[in-house]
């Protein structure tokens, strides 16, 4: 399953926030969960929904990690050491 199939299976757009994708995933899993309806088609659908959500979640998390790494590498601000306080006697 590729990313476009994952988005279309969950019925979300690629620009949607992960929070919205998660809500849609939980709604669909509630409808197609094998414990709710004990149909073999629901088991396959639940597996496909789970796989689609994992693909989208992995993609979003890896993009955040890449952005954070780039930010750290190109950050012009340097950490300043904390001033040491000395007590006068």
C-alpha atoms as a PDB file:
ATOM      1  CA  UNK A   1       0.000   0.000   0.000  1.00  0.00           C
ATOM      2  CA  UNK A   2       1.379   3.379  -0.947  1.00  0.00           C
ATOM      3  CA  UNK A   3       0.704   6.759   0.634  1.00  0.00           C
ATOM      4  CA  UNK A   4      -2.028   7.786  -1.794  1.00  0.00           C
ATOM      5  CA  UNK A   5      -3.944   4.559  -1.169  1.00  0.00           C
ATOM      6  CA  UNK A   6      -3.594   5.120   2.571  1.00  0.00           C
ATOM      7  CA  UNK A   7      -5.017   8.629   2.347  1.00  0.00           C
ATOM      8  CA  UNK A   8      -7.904   7.534   0.134  1.00  0.00           C
ATOM      9  CA  UNK A   9      -8.718   4.525   2.336  1.00  0.00           C
ATOM     10  CA  UNK A  10      -8.980   6.735   5.405  1.00  0.00           C
ATOM     11  CA  UNK A  11     -10.791   9.453   3.450  1.00  0.00           C
ATOM     12  CA  UNK A  12      -8.408  12.268   4.376  1.00  0.00           C
ATOM     13  CA  UNK A  13      -6.235  14.686   2.429  1.00  0.00           C
ATOM     14  CA  UNK A  14      -2.457  14.853   2.594  1.00  0.00           C
ATOM     15  CA  UNK A  15      -2.646  18.367   4.078  1.00  0.00           C
ATOM     16  CA  UNK A  16      -4.856  17.363   7.014  1.00  0.00           C
ATOM     17  CA  UNK A  17      -3.413  17.478  10.501  1.00  0.00           C
ATOM     18  CA  UNK A  18      -2.444  14.243  12.197  1.00  0.00           C
ATOM     19  CA  UNK A  19      -5.108  14.928  14.816  1.00  0.00           C
ATOM     20  CA  UNK A  20      -7.811  14.894  12.117  1.00  0.00           C
ATOM     21  CA  UNK A  21      -6.364  11.763  10.533  1.00  0.00           C
ATOM     22  CA  UNK A  22      -6.365  10.059  13.944  1.00  0.00           C
ATOM     23  CA  UNK A  23     -10.021  11.012  14.537  1.00  0.00           C
ATOM     24  CA  UNK A  24     -11.074   9.631  11.160  1.00  0.00           C
ATOM     25  CA  UNK A  25      -9.057   6.448  11.807  1.00  0.00           C
ATOM     26  CA  UNK A  26     -10.720   5.882  15.190  1.00  0.00           C
ATOM     27  CA  UNK A  27     -14.165   6.472  13.704  1.00  0.00           C
ATOM     28  CA  UNK A  28     -13.579   3.984  10.889  1.00  0.00           C
ATOM     29  CA  UNK A  29     -11.998   1.417  13.218  1.00  0.00           C
ATOM     30  CA  UNK A  30     -15.014   1.649  15.507  1.00  0.00           C
ATOM     31  CA  UNK A  31     -17.285   0.882  12.544  1.00  0.00           C
ATOM     32  CA  UNK A  32     -15.147  -1.935  11.115  1.00  0.00           C
ATOM     33  CA  UNK A  33     -13.649  -3.492  14.245  1.00  0.00           C
ATOM     34  CA  UNK A  34     -13.926  -7.299  14.273  1.00  0.00           C
ATOM     35  CA  UNK A  35     -15.327  -7.292  17.818  1.00  0.00           C
ATOM     36  CA  UNK A  36     -18.214  -5.038  16.778  1.00  0.00           C
ATOM     37  CA  UNK A  37     -19.196  -7.111  13.753  1.00  0.00           C
ATOM     38  CA  UNK A  38     -17.767 -10.607  13.503  1.00  0.00           C
ATOM     39  CA  UNK A  39     -17.592 -10.629   9.712  1.00  0.00           C
ATOM     40  CA  UNK A  40     -14.427 -11.756   7.905  1.00  0.00           C
ATOM     41  CA  UNK A  41     -14.592  -8.683   5.676  1.00  0.00           C
ATOM     42  CA  UNK A  42     -14.364  -6.464   8.750  1.00  0.00           C
ATOM     43  CA  UNK A  43     -11.153  -8.183   9.833  1.00  0.00           C
ATOM     44  CA  UNK A  44      -9.527  -7.449   6.486  1.00  0.00           C
ATOM     45  CA  UNK A  45     -10.838  -3.897   6.457  1.00  0.00           C
ATOM     46  CA  UNK A  46      -9.566  -3.301   9.988  1.00  0.00           C
ATOM     47  CA  UNK A  47      -6.116  -4.561   8.998  1.00  0.00           C
ATOM     48  CA  UNK A  48      -6.057  -2.283   5.958  1.00  0.00           C
ATOM     49  CA  UNK A  49      -7.156   0.715   8.037  1.00  0.00           C
ATOM     50  CA  UNK A  50      -4.476  -0.028  10.623  1.00  0.00           C
ATOM     51  CA  UNK A  51      -1.800  -0.318   7.943  1.00  0.00           C
ATOM     52  CA  UNK A  52      -2.935   2.921   6.281  1.00  0.00           C
ATOM     53  CA  UNK A  53      -2.821   4.820   9.570  1.00  0.00           C
ATOM     54  CA  UNK A  54       0.647   3.475  10.380  1.00  0.00           C
ATOM     55  CA  UNK A  55       1.942   4.596   6.971  1.00  0.00           C
ATOM     56  CA  UNK A  56       0.600   8.123   7.439  1.00  0.00           C
ATOM     57  CA  UNK A  57       1.761   8.341  11.061  1.00  0.00           C
ATOM     58  CA  UNK A  58       5.281   7.169  10.206  1.00  0.00           C
ATOM     59  CA  UNK A  59       5.509   9.698   7.389  1.00  0.00           C
ATOM     60  CA  UNK A  60       4.395  12.585   9.608  1.00  0.00           C
ATOM     61  CA  UNK A  61       6.734  11.669  12.463  1.00  0.00           C
ATOM     62  CA  UNK A  62       9.725  11.305  10.153  1.00  0.00           C
ATOM     63  CA  UNK A  63       8.979  14.716   8.611  1.00  0.00           C
ATOM     64  CA  UNK A  64       8.916  16.272  12.073  1.00  0.00           C
ATOM     65  CA  UNK A  65      12.249  14.651  12.939  1.00  0.00           C
ATOM     66  CA  UNK A  66      13.822  15.919   9.724  1.00  0.00           C
ATOM     67  CA  UNK A  67      12.550  19.438  10.345  1.00  0.00           C
ATOM     68  CA  UNK A  68      13.830  19.385  13.922  1.00  0.00           C
ATOM     69  CA  UNK A  69      17.252  18.135  12.813  1.00  0.00           C
ATOM     70  CA  UNK A  70      17.506  20.857  10.182  1.00  0.00           C
ATOM     71  CA  UNK A  71      16.484  23.453  12.732  1.00  0.00           C
ATOM     72  CA  UNK A  72      19.172  22.320  15.156  1.00  0.00           C
ATOM     73  CA  UNK A  73      21.870  22.298  12.491  1.00  0.00           C
ATOM     74  CA  UNK A  74      21.062  25.740  11.144  1.00  0.00           C
ATOM     75  CA  UNK A  75      20.151  27.485  14.362  1.00  0.00           C
ATOM     76  CA  UNK A  76      22.272  30.582  14.716  1.00  0.00           C
ATOM     77  CA  UNK A  77      21.624  30.943  18.416  1.00  0.00           C
ATOM     78  CA  UNK A  78      24.138  29.380  20.719  1.00  0.00           C
ATOM     79  CA  UNK A  79      23.317  28.368  24.228  1.00  0.00           C
ATOM     80  CA  UNK A  80      24.684  30.805  26.702  1.00  0.00           C
ATOM     81  CA  UNK A  81      26.060  29.365  29.907  1.00  0.00           C
ATOM     82  CA  UNK A  82      24.041  30.109  32.971  1.00  0.00           C
ATOM     83  CA  UNK A  83      25.587  32.836  35.101  1.00  0.00           C
ATOM     84  CA  UNK A  84      27.109  31.562  38.281  1.00  0.00           C
ATOM     85  CA  UNK A  85      25.866  33.270  41.371  1.00  0.00           C
ATOM     86  CA  UNK A  86      28.254  33.746  44.206  1.00  0.00           C
ATOM     87  CA  UNK A  87      27.126  34.669  47.646  1.00  0.00           C
ATOM     88  CA  UNK A  88      28.928  37.386  49.461  1.00  0.00           C
ATOM     89  CA  UNK A  89      29.682  36.581  53.043  1.00  0.00           C
END
